[in-house]
Amino acid sequence: MDQIRDAYLKPYVTTVPEVTVTDRSDGDECLILASDGLWDVVSNEAACEVAQACLRRGRQRWCAEAAALLTKLALARRSSDNISVVIVDLRRRNVL
């Protein structure tokens, strides 16, 4: 299917992804993947500060904690869109 078939939304919703490529450095700690429900109300800097604060606590589930906190922050700032947040720990080498 090359496009979601909805007469009301057509042609605004497509299955064509937005893809970007970013070079990583050895110092990169995490990747924050989120919908515009987060990014419309939370700056890149604020999101990174939340993620780094959770990382410094040293807990095993820091990614999940940071994602939950960012979601709550977006809700507190009255985001008017759906909010999805996933954080990937780039420091982990042996995940499986």
PDB file of N, CA and C in Angstrom:
ATOM      1  N   MET A   1       0.857  -1.167   0.000  1.00  0.00           N
ATOM      2  CA  MET A   1       0.000   0.000   0.000  1.00  0.00           C
ATOM      3  C   MET A   1       0.903   1.230   0.000  1.00  0.00           C
ATOM      4  N   ASP A   2       0.767   2.100  -0.983  1.00  0.00           N
ATOM      5  CA  ASP A   2       1.648   3.259  -1.025  1.00  0.00           C
ATOM      6  C   ASP A   2       1.078   4.456  -0.269  1.00  0.00           C
ATOM      7  N   GLN A   3      -0.126   4.358   0.195  1.00  0.00           N
ATOM      8  CA  GLN A   3      -0.729   5.460   0.937  1.00  0.00           C
ATOM      9  C   GLN A   3      -1.915   4.935   1.723  1.00  0.00           C
ATOM     10  N   ILE A   4      -2.074   5.445   2.927  1.00  0.00           N
ATOM     11  CA  ILE A   4      -3.247   5.074   3.709  1.00  0.00           C
ATOM     12  C   ILE A   4      -4.465   5.640   3.003  1.00  0.00           C
ATOM     13  N   ARG A   5      -5.446   4.804   2.787  1.00  0.00           N
ATOM     14  CA  ARG A   5      -6.633   5.211   2.022  1.00  0.00           C
ATOM     15  C   ARG A   5      -7.690   5.809   2.941  1.00  0.00           C
ATOM     16  N   ASP A   6      -7.682   7.098   3.025  1.00  0.00           N
ATOM     17  CA  ASP A   6      -8.675   7.820   3.814  1.00  0.00           C
ATOM     18  C   ASP A   6      -8.976   9.112   3.059  1.00  0.00           C
ATOM     19  N   ALA A   7     -10.171   9.222   2.563  1.00  0.00           N
ATOM     20  CA  ALA A   7     -10.535  10.385   1.745  1.00  0.00           C
ATOM     21  C   ALA A   7     -10.350  11.693   2.507  1.00  0.00           C
ATOM     22  N   TYR A   8     -10.591  11.674   3.817  1.00  0.00           N
ATOM     23  CA  TYR A   8     -10.474  12.896   4.610  1.00  0.00           C
ATOM     24  C   TYR A   8      -9.010  13.340   4.729  1.00  0.00           C
ATOM     25  N   LEU A   9      -8.101  12.382   4.933  1.00  0.00           N
ATOM     26  CA  LEU A   9      -6.698  12.712   5.149  1.00  0.00           C
ATOM     27  C   LEU A   9      -5.871  12.747   3.870  1.00  0.00           C
ATOM     28  N   LYS A  10      -6.354  12.139   2.833  1.00  0.00           N
ATOM     29  CA  LYS A  10      -5.607  12.057   1.590  1.00  0.00           C
ATOM     30  C   LYS A  10      -5.316  13.444   1.051  1.00  0.00           C
ATOM     31  N   PRO A  11      -4.161  13.806   0.638  1.00  0.00           N
ATOM     32  CA  PRO A  11      -2.913  13.052   0.522  1.00  0.00           C
ATOM     33  C   PRO A  11      -1.944  13.338   1.667  1.00  0.00           C
ATOM     34  N   TYR A  12      -2.431  13.704   2.838  1.00  0.00           N
ATOM     35  CA  TYR A  12      -1.559  14.145   3.922  1.00  0.00           C
ATOM     36  C   TYR A  12      -0.887  13.016   4.686  1.00  0.00           C
ATOM     37  N   VAL A  13      -1.431  11.825   4.649  1.00  0.00           N
ATOM     38  CA  VAL A  13      -0.850  10.688   5.350  1.00  0.00           C
ATOM     39  C   VAL A  13      -0.318   9.700   4.325  1.00  0.00           C
ATOM     40  N   THR A  14       0.980   9.445   4.376  1.00  0.00           N
ATOM     41  CA  THR A  14       1.583   8.495   3.444  1.00  0.00           C
ATOM     42  C   THR A  14       2.425   7.485   4.212  1.00  0.00           C
ATOM     43  N   THR A  15       2.805   6.431   3.533  1.00  0.00           N
ATOM     44  CA  THR A  15       3.679   5.425   4.132  1.00  0.00           C
ATOM     45  C   THR A  15       5.138   5.677   3.800  1.00  0.00           C
ATOM     46  N   VAL A  16       5.437   6.806   3.206  1.00  0.00           N
ATOM     47  CA  VAL A  16       6.811   7.147   2.861  1.00  0.00           C
ATOM     48  C   VAL A  16       7.500   7.686   4.116  1.00  0.00           C
ATOM     49  N   PRO A  17       8.534   6.977   4.615  1.00  0.00           N
ATOM     50  CA  PRO A  17       9.179   7.416   5.857  1.00  0.00           C
ATOM     51  C   PRO A  17      10.088   8.615   5.636  1.00  0.00           C
ATOM     52  N   GLU A  18      10.288   9.379   6.696  1.00  0.00           N
ATOM     53  CA  GLU A  18      11.284  10.442   6.683  1.00  0.00           C
ATOM     54  C   GLU A  18      12.549   9.839   7.275  1.00  0.00           C
ATOM     55  N   VAL A  19      13.618   9.791   6.505  1.00  0.00           N
ATOM     56  CA  VAL A  19      14.846   9.125   6.932  1.00  0.00           C
ATOM     57  C   VAL A  19      15.992  10.125   6.920  1.00  0.00           C
ATOM     58  N   THR A  20      16.767  10.135   7.998  1.00  0.00           N
ATOM     59  CA  THR A  20      17.981  10.942   8.043  1.00  0.00           C
ATOM     60  C   THR A  20      19.133  10.055   8.502  1.00  0.00           C
ATOM     61  N   VAL A  21      20.333  10.417   8.100  1.00  0.00           N
ATOM     62  CA  VAL A  21      21.529   9.687   8.506  1.00  0.00           C
ATOM     63  C   VAL A  21      22.408  10.655   9.282  1.00  0.00           C
ATOM     64  N   THR A  22      22.824  10.237  10.470  1.00  0.00           N
ATOM     65  CA  THR A  22      23.652  11.074  11.324  1.00  0.00           C
ATOM     66  C   THR A  22      24.885  10.284  11.742  1.00  0.00           C
ATOM     67  N   ASP A  23      26.045  10.879  11.592  1.00  0.00           N
ATOM     68  CA  ASP A  23      27.276  10.221  12.033  1.00  0.00           C
ATOM     69  C   ASP A  23      27.327  10.192  13.556  1.00  0.00           C
ATOM     70  N   ARG A  24      27.782   9.061  14.093  1.00  0.00           N
ATOM     71  CA  ARG A  24      27.922   8.909  15.539  1.00  0.00           C
ATOM     72  C   ARG A  24      29.363   9.129  15.949  1.00  0.00           C
ATOM     73  N   SER A  25      29.531   9.557  17.195  1.00  0.00           N
ATOM     74  CA  SER A  25      30.873   9.649  17.767  1.00  0.00           C
ATOM     75  C   SER A  25      30.956   8.677  18.939  1.00  0.00           C
ATOM     76  N   ASP A  26      32.160   8.383  19.379  1.00  0.00           N
ATOM     77  CA  ASP A  26      32.346   7.452  20.489  1.00  0.00           C
ATOM     78  C   ASP A  26      31.707   7.958  21.779  1.00  0.00           C
ATOM     79  N   GLY A  27      31.530   9.258  21.897  1.00  0.00           N
ATOM     80  CA  GLY A  27      30.956   9.825  23.111  1.00  0.00           C
ATOM     81  C   GLY A  27      29.435   9.826  23.159  1.00  0.00           C
ATOM     82  N   ASP A  28      28.780   9.427  22.082  1.00  0.00           N
ATOM     83  CA  ASP A  28      27.312   9.398  22.071  1.00  0.00           C
ATOM     84  C   ASP A  28      26.807   8.396  23.102  1.00  0.00           C
ATOM     85  N   GLU A  29      25.855   8.826  23.927  1.00  0.00           N
ATOM     86  CA  GLU A  29      25.348   7.981  25.005  1.00  0.00           C
ATOM     87  C   GLU A  29      23.995   7.371  24.696  1.00  0.00           C
ATOM     88  N   CYS A  30      23.141   8.130  24.028  1.00  0.00           N
ATOM     89  CA  CYS A  30      21.803   7.609  23.762  1.00  0.00           C
ATOM     90  C   CYS A  30      21.214   8.243  22.512  1.00  0.00           C
ATOM     91  N   LEU A  31      20.157   7.610  22.046  1.00  0.00           N
ATOM     92  CA  LEU A  31      19.396   8.100  20.900  1.00  0.00           C
ATOM     93  C   LEU A  31      17.964   8.278  21.366  1.00  0.00           C
ATOM     94  N   ILE A  32      17.411   9.455  21.185  1.00  0.00           N
ATOM     95  CA  ILE A  32      16.028   9.726  21.570  1.00  0.00           C
ATOM     96  C   ILE A  32      15.185   9.759  20.303  1.00  0.00           C
ATOM     97  N   LEU A  33      14.291   8.799  20.175  1.00  0.00           N
ATOM     98  CA  LEU A  33      13.348   8.740  19.058  1.00  0.00           C
ATOM     99  C   LEU A  33      11.995   9.150  19.611  1.00  0.00           C
ATOM    100  N   ALA A  34      11.389  10.162  19.018  1.00  0.00           N
ATOM    101  CA  ALA A  34      10.118  10.639  19.562  1.00  0.00           C
ATOM    102  C   ALA A  34       9.265  11.271  18.470  1.00  0.00           C
ATOM    103  N   SER A  35       7.982  11.289  18.728  1.00  0.00           N
ATOM    104  CA  SER A  35       7.034  11.907  17.801  1.00  0.00           C
ATOM    105  C   SER A  35       7.001  13.414  18.026  1.00  0.00           C
ATOM    106  N   ASP A  36       6.333  14.105  17.113  1.00  0.00           N
ATOM    107  CA  ASP A  36       6.238  15.560  17.245  1.00  0.00           C
ATOM    108  C   ASP A  36       5.433  15.971  18.471  1.00  0.00           C
ATOM    109  N   GLY A  37       4.707  15.061  19.072  1.00  0.00           N
ATOM    110  CA  GLY A  37       4.019  15.363  20.327  1.00  0.00           C
ATOM    111  C   GLY A  37       4.990  15.737  21.426  1.00  0.00           C
ATOM    112  N   LEU A  38       6.209  15.211  21.361  1.00  0.00           N
ATOM    113  CA  LEU A  38       7.267  15.610  22.294  1.00  0.00           C
ATOM    114  C   LEU A  38       8.000  16.829  21.759  1.00  0.00           C
ATOM    115  N   TRP A  39       8.486  16.735  20.517  1.00  0.00           N
ATOM    116  CA  TRP A  39       9.372  17.775  19.988  1.00  0.00           C
ATOM    117  C   TRP A  39       8.688  19.123  19.800  1.00  0.00           C
ATOM    118  N   ASP A  40       7.371  19.151  19.693  1.00  0.00           N
ATOM    119  CA  ASP A  40       6.665  20.431  19.567  1.00  0.00           C
ATOM    120  C   ASP A  40       6.719  21.246  20.855  1.00  0.00           C
ATOM    121  N   VAL A  41       6.934  20.581  22.004  1.00  0.00           N
ATOM    122  CA  VAL A  41       6.884  21.301  23.283  1.00  0.00           C
ATOM    123  C   VAL A  41       8.147  21.148  24.131  1.00  0.00           C
ATOM    124  N   VAL A  42       9.075  20.278  23.732  1.00  0.00           N
ATOM    125  CA  VAL A  42      10.311  20.052  24.492  1.00  0.00           C
ATOM    126  C   VAL A  42      11.499  20.252  23.550  1.00  0.00           C
ATOM    127  N   SER A  43      12.435  21.087  23.948  1.00  0.00           N
ATOM    128  CA  SER A  43      13.610  21.352  23.106  1.00  0.00           C
ATOM    129  C   SER A  43      14.563  20.157  23.124  1.00  0.00           C
ATOM    130  N   ASN A  44      15.436  20.109  22.138  1.00  0.00           N
ATOM    131  CA  ASN A  44      16.467  19.067  22.104  1.00  0.00           C
ATOM    132  C   ASN A  44      17.301  19.097  23.380  1.00  0.00           C
ATOM    133  N   GLU A  45      17.660  20.295  23.808  1.00  0.00           N
ATOM    134  CA  GLU A  45      18.501  20.450  24.989  1.00  0.00           C
ATOM    135  C   GLU A  45      17.805  19.921  26.235  1.00  0.00           C
ATOM    136  N   ALA A  46      16.526  20.247  26.401  1.00  0.00           N
ATOM    137  CA  ALA A  46      15.780  19.779  27.575  1.00  0.00           C
ATOM    138  C   ALA A  46      15.645  18.263  27.565  1.00  0.00           C
ATOM    139  N   ALA A  47      15.379  17.690  26.404  1.00  0.00           N
ATOM    140  CA  ALA A  47      15.256  16.232  26.301  1.00  0.00           C
ATOM    141  C   ALA A  47      16.577  15.563  26.662  1.00  0.00           C
ATOM    142  N   CYS A  48      17.678  16.116  26.189  1.00  0.00           N
ATOM    143  CA  CYS A  48      18.994  15.552  26.509  1.00  0.00           C
ATOM    144  C   CYS A  48      19.303  15.677  27.994  1.00  0.00           C
ATOM    145  N   GLU A  49      18.930  16.789  28.604  1.00  0.00           N
ATOM    146  CA  GLU A  49      19.154  16.968  30.042  1.00  0.00           C
ATOM    147  C   GLU A  49      18.405  15.916  30.849  1.00  0.00           C
ATOM    148  N   VAL A  50      17.161  15.637  30.482  1.00  0.00           N
ATOM    149  CA  VAL A  50      16.376  14.613  31.178  1.00  0.00           C
ATOM    150  C   VAL A  50      17.036  13.250  31.008  1.00  0.00           C
ATOM    151  N   ALA A  51      17.424  12.911  29.786  1.00  0.00           N
ATOM    152  CA  ALA A  51      18.058  11.611  29.531  1.00  0.00           C
ATOM    153  C   ALA A  51      19.368  11.481  30.301  1.00  0.00           C
ATOM    154  N   GLN A  52      20.184  12.519  30.297  1.00  0.00           N
ATOM    155  CA  GLN A  52      21.463  12.466  31.002  1.00  0.00           C
ATOM    156  C   GLN A  52      21.276  12.376  32.512  1.00  0.00           C
ATOM    157  N   ALA A  53      20.274  13.057  33.046  1.00  0.00           N
ATOM    158  CA  ALA A  53      20.000  12.971  34.485  1.00  0.00           C
ATOM    159  C   ALA A  53      19.623  11.541  34.869  1.00  0.00           C
ATOM    160  N   CYS A  54      18.818  10.890  34.052  1.00  0.00           N
ATOM    161  CA  CYS A  54      18.438   9.498  34.325  1.00  0.00           C
ATOM    162  C   CYS A  54      19.639   8.573  34.182  1.00  0.00           C
ATOM    163  N   LEU A  55      20.484   8.824  33.197  1.00  0.00           N
ATOM    164  CA  LEU A  55      21.678   8.008  32.986  1.00  0.00           C
ATOM    165  C   LEU A  55      22.609   8.101  34.189  1.00  0.00           C
ATOM    166  N   ARG A  56      22.780   9.300  34.740  1.00  0.00           N
ATOM    167  CA  ARG A  56      23.686   9.509  35.876  1.00  0.00           C
ATOM    168  C   ARG A  56      23.211   8.790  37.134  1.00  0.00           C
ATOM    169  N   ARG A  57      21.920   8.516  37.249  1.00  0.00           N
ATOM    170  CA  ARG A  57      21.418   7.799  38.430  1.00  0.00           C
ATOM    171  C   ARG A  57      21.937   6.369  38.477  1.00  0.00           C
ATOM    172  N   GLY A  58      22.379   5.858  37.337  1.00  0.00           N
ATOM    173  CA  GLY A  58      22.988   4.541  37.297  1.00  0.00           C
ATOM    174  C   GLY A  58      22.031   3.367  37.398  1.00  0.00           C
ATOM    175  N   ARG A  59      20.766   3.598  37.214  1.00  0.00           N
ATOM    176  CA  ARG A  59      19.801   2.503  37.283  1.00  0.00           C
ATOM    177  C   ARG A  59      19.792   1.726  35.976  1.00  0.00           C
ATOM    178  N   GLN A  60      19.449   0.453  36.085  1.00  0.00           N
ATOM    179  CA  GLN A  60      19.450  -0.417  34.913  1.00  0.00           C
ATOM    180  C   GLN A  60      18.410   0.019  33.884  1.00  0.00           C
ATOM    181  N   ARG A  61      17.251   0.479  34.325  1.00  0.00           N
ATOM    182  CA  ARG A  61      16.163   0.830  33.409  1.00  0.00           C
ATOM    183  C   ARG A  61      16.099   2.341  33.156  1.00  0.00           C
ATOM    184  N   TRP A  62      17.245   2.981  33.061  1.00  0.00           N
ATOM    185  CA  TRP A  62      17.253   4.432  32.912  1.00  0.00           C
ATOM    186  C   TRP A  62      16.590   4.894  31.625  1.00  0.00           C
ATOM    187  N   CYS A  63      16.682   4.119  30.556  1.00  0.00           N
ATOM    188  CA  CYS A  63      16.045   4.511  29.288  1.00  0.00           C
ATOM    189  C   CYS A  63      14.529   4.593  29.445  1.00  0.00           C
ATOM    190  N   ALA A  64      13.951   3.600  30.094  1.00  0.00           N
ATOM    191  CA  ALA A  64      12.498   3.593  30.307  1.00  0.00           C
ATOM    192  C   ALA A  64      12.082   4.741  31.215  1.00  0.00           C
ATOM    193  N   GLU A  65      12.880   5.009  32.256  1.00  0.00           N
ATOM    194  CA  GLU A  65      12.576   6.123  33.162  1.00  0.00           C
ATOM    195  C   GLU A  65      12.626   7.457  32.422  1.00  0.00           C
ATOM    196  N   ALA A  66      13.642   7.644  31.605  1.00  0.00           N
ATOM    197  CA  ALA A  66      13.776   8.898  30.861  1.00  0.00           C
ATOM    198  C   ALA A  66      12.637   9.068  29.865  1.00  0.00           C
ATOM    199  N   ALA A  67      12.253   7.997  29.182  1.00  0.00           N
ATOM    200  CA  ALA A  67      11.141   8.072  28.226  1.00  0.00           C
ATOM    201  C   ALA A  67       9.847   8.447  28.940  1.00  0.00           C
ATOM    202  N   ALA A  68       9.613   7.852  30.109  1.00  0.00           N
ATOM    203  CA  ALA A  68       8.403   8.167  30.879  1.00  0.00           C
ATOM    204  C   ALA A  68       8.419   9.621  31.351  1.00  0.00           C
ATOM    205  N   LEU A  69       9.566  10.083  31.823  1.00  0.00           N
ATOM    206  CA  LEU A  69       9.668  11.478  32.274  1.00  0.00           C
ATOM    207  C   LEU A  69       9.461  12.461  31.127  1.00  0.00           C
ATOM    208  N   LEU A  70      10.014  12.164  29.964  1.00  0.00           N
ATOM    209  CA  LEU A  70       9.825  13.049  28.812  1.00  0.00           C
ATOM    210  C   LEU A  70       8.363  13.078  28.376  1.00  0.00           C
ATOM    211  N   THR A  71       7.702  11.939  28.443  1.00  0.00           N
ATOM    212  CA  THR A  71       6.272  11.895  28.115  1.00  0.00           C
ATOM    213  C   THR A  71       5.482  12.759  29.092  1.00  0.00           C
ATOM    214  N   LYS A  72       5.788  12.631  30.384  1.00  0.00           N
ATOM    215  CA  LYS A  72       5.104  13.437  31.405  1.00  0.00           C
ATOM    216  C   LYS A  72       5.385  14.927  31.214  1.00  0.00           C
ATOM    217  N   LEU A  73       6.619  15.256  30.829  1.00  0.00           N
ATOM    218  CA  LEU A  73       6.968  16.657  30.583  1.00  0.00           C
ATOM    219  C   LEU A  73       6.162  17.219  29.423  1.00  0.00           C
ATOM    220  N   ALA A  74       6.040  16.462  28.350  1.00  0.00           N
ATOM    221  CA  ALA A  74       5.252  16.913  27.195  1.00  0.00           C
ATOM    222  C   ALA A  74       3.788  17.098  27.579  1.00  0.00           C
ATOM    223  N   LEU A  75       3.257  16.181  28.381  1.00  0.00           N
ATOM    224  CA  LEU A  75       1.864  16.315  28.839  1.00  0.00           C
ATOM    225  C   LEU A  75       1.704  17.544  29.730  1.00  0.00           C
ATOM    226  N   ALA A  76       2.682  17.781  30.610  1.00  0.00           N
ATOM    227  CA  ALA A  76       2.624  18.948  31.494  1.00  0.00           C
ATOM    228  C   ALA A  76       2.685  20.251  30.707  1.00  0.00           C
ATOM    229  N   ARG A  77       3.347  20.204  29.572  1.00  0.00           N
ATOM    230  CA  ARG A  77       3.434  21.391  28.710  1.00  0.00           C
ATOM    231  C   ARG A  77       2.287  21.446  27.708  1.00  0.00           C
ATOM    232  N   ARG A  78       1.294  20.613  27.944  1.00  0.00           N
ATOM    233  CA  ARG A  78       0.044  20.601  27.187  1.00  0.00           C
ATOM    234  C   ARG A  78       0.228  20.296  25.699  1.00  0.00           C
ATOM    235  N   SER A  79       1.026  19.280  25.419  1.00  0.00           N
ATOM    236  CA  SER A  79       1.171  18.835  24.030  1.00  0.00           C
ATOM    237  C   SER A  79      -0.202  18.467  23.487  1.00  0.00           C
ATOM    238  N   SER A  80      -0.495  18.913  22.282  1.00  0.00           N
ATOM    239  CA  SER A  80      -1.817  18.657  21.701  1.00  0.00           C
ATOM    240  C   SER A  80      -1.803  17.480  20.731  1.00  0.00           C
ATOM    241  N   ASP A  81      -0.683  16.764  20.670  1.00  0.00           N
ATOM    242  CA  ASP A  81      -0.541  15.648  19.733  1.00  0.00           C
ATOM    243  C   ASP A  81      -0.234  14.377  20.512  1.00  0.00           C
ATOM    244  N   ASN A  82      -0.307  13.244  19.821  1.00  0.00           N
ATOM    245  CA  ASN A  82       0.078  12.002  20.488  1.00  0.00           C
ATOM    246  C   ASN A  82       1.576  12.042  20.783  1.00  0.00           C
ATOM    247  N   ILE A  83       1.978  11.336  21.842  1.00  0.00           N
ATOM    248  CA  ILE A  83       3.364  11.396  22.299  1.00  0.00           C
ATOM    249  C   ILE A  83       3.936   9.984  22.344  1.00  0.00           C
ATOM    250  N   SER A  84       4.998   9.777  21.597  1.00  0.00           N
ATOM    251  CA  SER A  84       5.725   8.504  21.628  1.00  0.00           C
ATOM    252  C   SER A  84       7.190   8.818  21.867  1.00  0.00           C
ATOM    253  N   VAL A  85       7.803   8.113  22.824  1.00  0.00           N
ATOM    254  CA  VAL A  85       9.211   8.340  23.135  1.00  0.00           C
ATOM    255  C   VAL A  85       9.897   6.991  23.351  1.00  0.00           C
ATOM    256  N   VAL A  86      11.005   6.783  22.657  1.00  0.00           N
ATOM    257  CA  VAL A  86      11.841   5.599  22.843  1.00  0.00           C
ATOM    258  C   VAL A  86      13.276   6.088  22.984  1.00  0.00           C
ATOM    259  N   ILE A  87      13.976   5.567  23.979  1.00  0.00           N
ATOM    260  CA  ILE A  87      15.377   5.938  24.166  1.00  0.00           C
ATOM    261  C   ILE A  87      16.230   4.683  24.046  1.00  0.00           C
ATOM    262  N   VAL A  88      17.274   4.784  23.233  1.00  0.00           N
ATOM    263  CA  VAL A  88      18.178   3.664  22.990  1.00  0.00           C
ATOM    264  C   VAL A  88      19.519   3.971  23.646  1.00  0.00           C
ATOM    265  N   ASP A  89      19.999   3.045  24.467  1.00  0.00           N
ATOM    266  CA  ASP A  89      21.300   3.187  25.122  1.00  0.00           C
ATOM    267  C   ASP A  89      22.382   2.806  24.115  1.00  0.00           C
ATOM    268  N   LEU A  90      23.142   3.773  23.643  1.00  0.00           N
ATOM    269  CA  LEU A  90      24.181   3.527  22.643  1.00  0.00           C
ATOM    270  C   LEU A  90      25.481   3.026  23.264  1.00  0.00           C
ATOM    271  N   ARG A  91      25.563   3.017  24.578  1.00  0.00           N
ATOM    272  CA  ARG A  91      26.783   2.572  25.247  1.00  0.00           C
ATOM    273  C   ARG A  91      26.840   1.060  25.382  1.00  0.00           C
ATOM    274  N   ARG A  92      25.696   0.401  25.301  1.00  0.00           N
ATOM    275  CA  ARG A  92      25.640  -1.054  25.482  1.00  0.00           C
ATOM    276  C   ARG A  92      26.156  -1.753  24.233  1.00  0.00           C
ATOM    277  N   ARG A  93      27.037  -2.694  24.420  1.00  0.00           N
ATOM    278  CA  ARG A  93      27.613  -3.424  23.292  1.00  0.00           C
ATOM    279  C   ARG A  93      26.924  -4.765  23.087  1.00  0.00           C
ATOM    280  N   ASN A  94      26.733  -5.527  24.140  1.00  0.00           N
ATOM    281  CA  ASN A  94      26.157  -6.874  24.057  1.00  0.00           C
ATOM    282  C   ASN A  94      24.736  -6.859  24.587  1.00  0.00           C
ATOM    283  N   VAL A  95      23.787  -6.559  23.719  1.00  0.00           N
ATOM    284  CA  VAL A  95      22.393  -6.452  24.137  1.00  0.00           C
ATOM    285  C   VAL A  95      21.771  -7.828  24.285  1.00  0.00           C
ATOM    286  N   LEU A  96      22.020  -8.732  23.347  1.00  0.00           N
ATOM    287  CA  LEU A  96      21.416 -10.063  23.403  1.00  0.00           C
ATOM    288  C   LEU A  96      22.420 -11.096  23.828  1.00  0.00           C
TER     289      LEU A  96
END
